[in-house]
């Protein structure tokens, strides 16, 4: 039962990752009504910031090495998403998209690592 509850915490991250995969599989995405240079990178950063936060939630807001491991998993998913786009007609992988993903992930890492501990959270670790 406890294991099922732990796995259920990852459901929001799994749904979000599935939505990212679905969007990446589209040959054409809708364009915003107010496009400007760099908007796609801001969107990438935001989407992966949400995925990072949901993944950390799924992991029980870990600290130390586990914290960085989960964030590495999100970054690897972002890289695999760019590779996936090589196989979608009309889409191309872009290392700058992945770097924007990394900015979103690292922003969440910074914010979460600076958050004050709450009841039930593991103690901060120097590792």
Protein backbone atom coordinates (compact mmCIF):
# COMPACT_ATOMS: atom_id res chain seq x y z
CA UNK A 1 0.00 0.00 0.00
CA UNK A 2 2.76 2.45 0.94
CA UNK A 3 4.55 1.65 -2.33
CA UNK A 4 1.37 2.39 -4.31
CA UNK A 5 1.04 5.75 -2.58
CA UNK A 6 4.67 6.58 -3.39
CA UNK A 7 4.17 5.64 -7.03
CA UNK A 8 0.94 7.64 -7.18
CA UNK A 9 2.91 10.76 -6.26
CA UNK A 10 4.64 10.45 -9.64
CA UNK A 11 1.33 10.42 -11.54
CA UNK A 12 1.28 14.22 -12.14
CA UNK A 13 4.86 14.11 -13.48
CA UNK A 14 4.00 11.13 -15.69
CA UNK A 15 0.94 12.89 -17.11
CA UNK A 16 2.98 16.06 -17.74
CA UNK A 17 5.75 14.04 -19.43
CA UNK A 18 3.13 12.32 -21.61
CA UNK A 19 1.76 15.72 -22.64
CA UNK A 20 5.27 16.84 -23.56
CA UNK A 21 5.74 13.68 -25.64
CA UNK A 22 2.40 14.22 -27.36
CA UNK A 23 3.24 17.85 -28.18
CA UNK A 24 6.65 16.80 -29.52
CA UNK A 25 4.99 14.26 -31.80
CA UNK A 26 2.97 16.99 -33.54
CA UNK A 27 4.33 18.13 -36.89
CA UNK A 28 3.05 21.61 -36.25
CA UNK A 29 2.18 23.37 -33.01
CA UNK A 30 -0.18 26.34 -32.68
CA UNK A 31 1.58 29.67 -32.67
CA UNK A 32 0.91 32.22 -29.92
CA UNK A 33 -0.92 35.39 -30.98
CA UNK A 34 1.96 37.58 -29.77
CA UNK A 35 5.17 35.90 -30.90
CA UNK A 36 8.54 37.48 -30.14
CA UNK A 37 12.14 36.38 -30.40
CA UNK A 38 12.96 33.87 -27.69
CA UNK A 39 9.36 33.08 -26.73
CA UNK A 40 9.83 29.41 -27.60
CA UNK A 41 12.79 29.20 -25.20
CA UNK A 42 10.74 30.76 -22.39
CA UNK A 43 8.00 28.20 -23.07
CA UNK A 44 10.56 25.36 -23.00
CA UNK A 45 11.98 26.60 -19.69
CA UNK A 46 8.51 26.87 -18.16
CA UNK A 47 7.38 23.44 -19.34
CA UNK A 48 10.48 21.75 -17.94
CA UNK A 49 10.35 23.77 -14.72
CA UNK A 50 6.89 22.31 -14.14
CA UNK A 51 8.17 18.80 -14.95
CA UNK A 52 11.08 19.25 -12.53
CA UNK A 53 8.78 20.43 -9.74
CA UNK A 54 6.32 17.58 -10.32
CA UNK A 55 9.17 15.05 -10.39
CA UNK A 56 10.60 16.38 -7.13
CA UNK A 57 7.12 16.19 -5.63
CA UNK A 58 6.89 12.58 -6.79
CA UNK A 59 10.23 11.88 -5.15
CA UNK A 60 8.98 13.32 -1.85
CA UNK A 61 10.97 16.56 -2.15
CA UNK A 62 14.32 14.78 -1.77
CA UNK A 63 17.53 16.43 -0.68
CA UNK A 64 21.17 15.76 -1.44
CA UNK A 65 22.18 13.34 -4.17
CA UNK A 66 18.65 12.07 -4.74
CA UNK A 67 17.53 15.65 -5.43
CA UNK A 68 20.15 15.99 -8.18
CA UNK A 69 19.44 12.51 -9.51
CA UNK A 70 15.77 13.33 -10.12
CA UNK A 71 16.74 16.58 -11.83
CA UNK A 72 19.20 14.66 -14.03
CA UNK A 73 16.32 12.35 -15.00
CA UNK A 74 14.29 15.39 -16.09
CA UNK A 75 17.24 16.73 -18.11
CA UNK A 76 17.68 13.33 -19.75
CA UNK A 77 13.98 13.33 -20.63
CA UNK A 78 14.44 16.75 -22.23
CA UNK A 79 17.35 15.43 -24.29
CA UNK A 80 15.34 12.38 -25.34
CA UNK A 81 12.52 14.71 -26.35
CA UNK A 82 14.86 16.53 -28.72
CA UNK A 83 16.03 13.20 -30.18
CA UNK A 84 12.39 12.15 -30.56
CA UNK A 85 11.78 15.23 -32.72
CA UNK A 86 14.30 13.91 -35.28
CA UNK A 87 11.69 11.32 -36.21
CA UNK A 88 8.73 13.71 -36.45
CA UNK A 89 8.12 15.22 -39.90
CA UNK A 90 8.48 18.99 -39.79
CA UNK A 91 10.33 19.01 -36.46
CA UNK A 92 14.06 19.25 -35.72
CA UNK A 93 16.08 18.72 -32.57
CA UNK A 94 17.63 21.89 -31.19
CA UNK A 95 20.35 21.94 -28.54
CA UNK A 96 19.20 25.45 -27.59
CA UNK A 97 15.75 24.06 -26.77
CA UNK A 98 17.43 21.57 -24.44
CA UNK A 99 19.48 24.36 -22.87
CA UNK A 100 16.23 26.26 -22.27
CA UNK A 101 14.82 23.11 -20.66
CA UNK A 102 17.90 23.03 -18.42
CA UNK A 103 17.35 26.67 -17.40
CA UNK A 104 13.84 25.75 -16.26
CA UNK A 105 15.07 22.70 -14.35
CA UNK A 106 17.92 24.61 -12.70
CA UNK A 107 15.58 27.46 -11.75
CA UNK A 108 13.40 24.99 -9.88
CA UNK A 109 16.52 23.43 -8.34
CA UNK A 110 17.59 26.83 -7.05
CA UNK A 111 14.15 27.73 -5.69
CA UNK A 112 13.54 24.37 -4.03
CA UNK A 113 17.03 24.20 -2.54
CA UNK A 114 16.48 27.63 -0.97
CA UNK A 115 13.02 26.83 0.38
CA UNK A 116 12.87 26.56 4.16
CA UNK A 117 12.42 22.99 5.41
CA UNK A 118 8.87 22.01 6.26
CA UNK A 119 7.52 19.44 8.67
CA UNK A 120 8.00 16.00 7.19
CA UNK A 121 10.76 17.05 4.81
CA UNK A 122 14.09 15.30 5.13
CA UNK A 123 16.89 17.39 6.60
CA UNK A 124 19.13 19.17 4.13
CA UNK A 125 22.20 17.30 3.16
CA UNK A 126 25.53 18.75 2.07
CA UNK A 127 25.93 15.99 -0.54
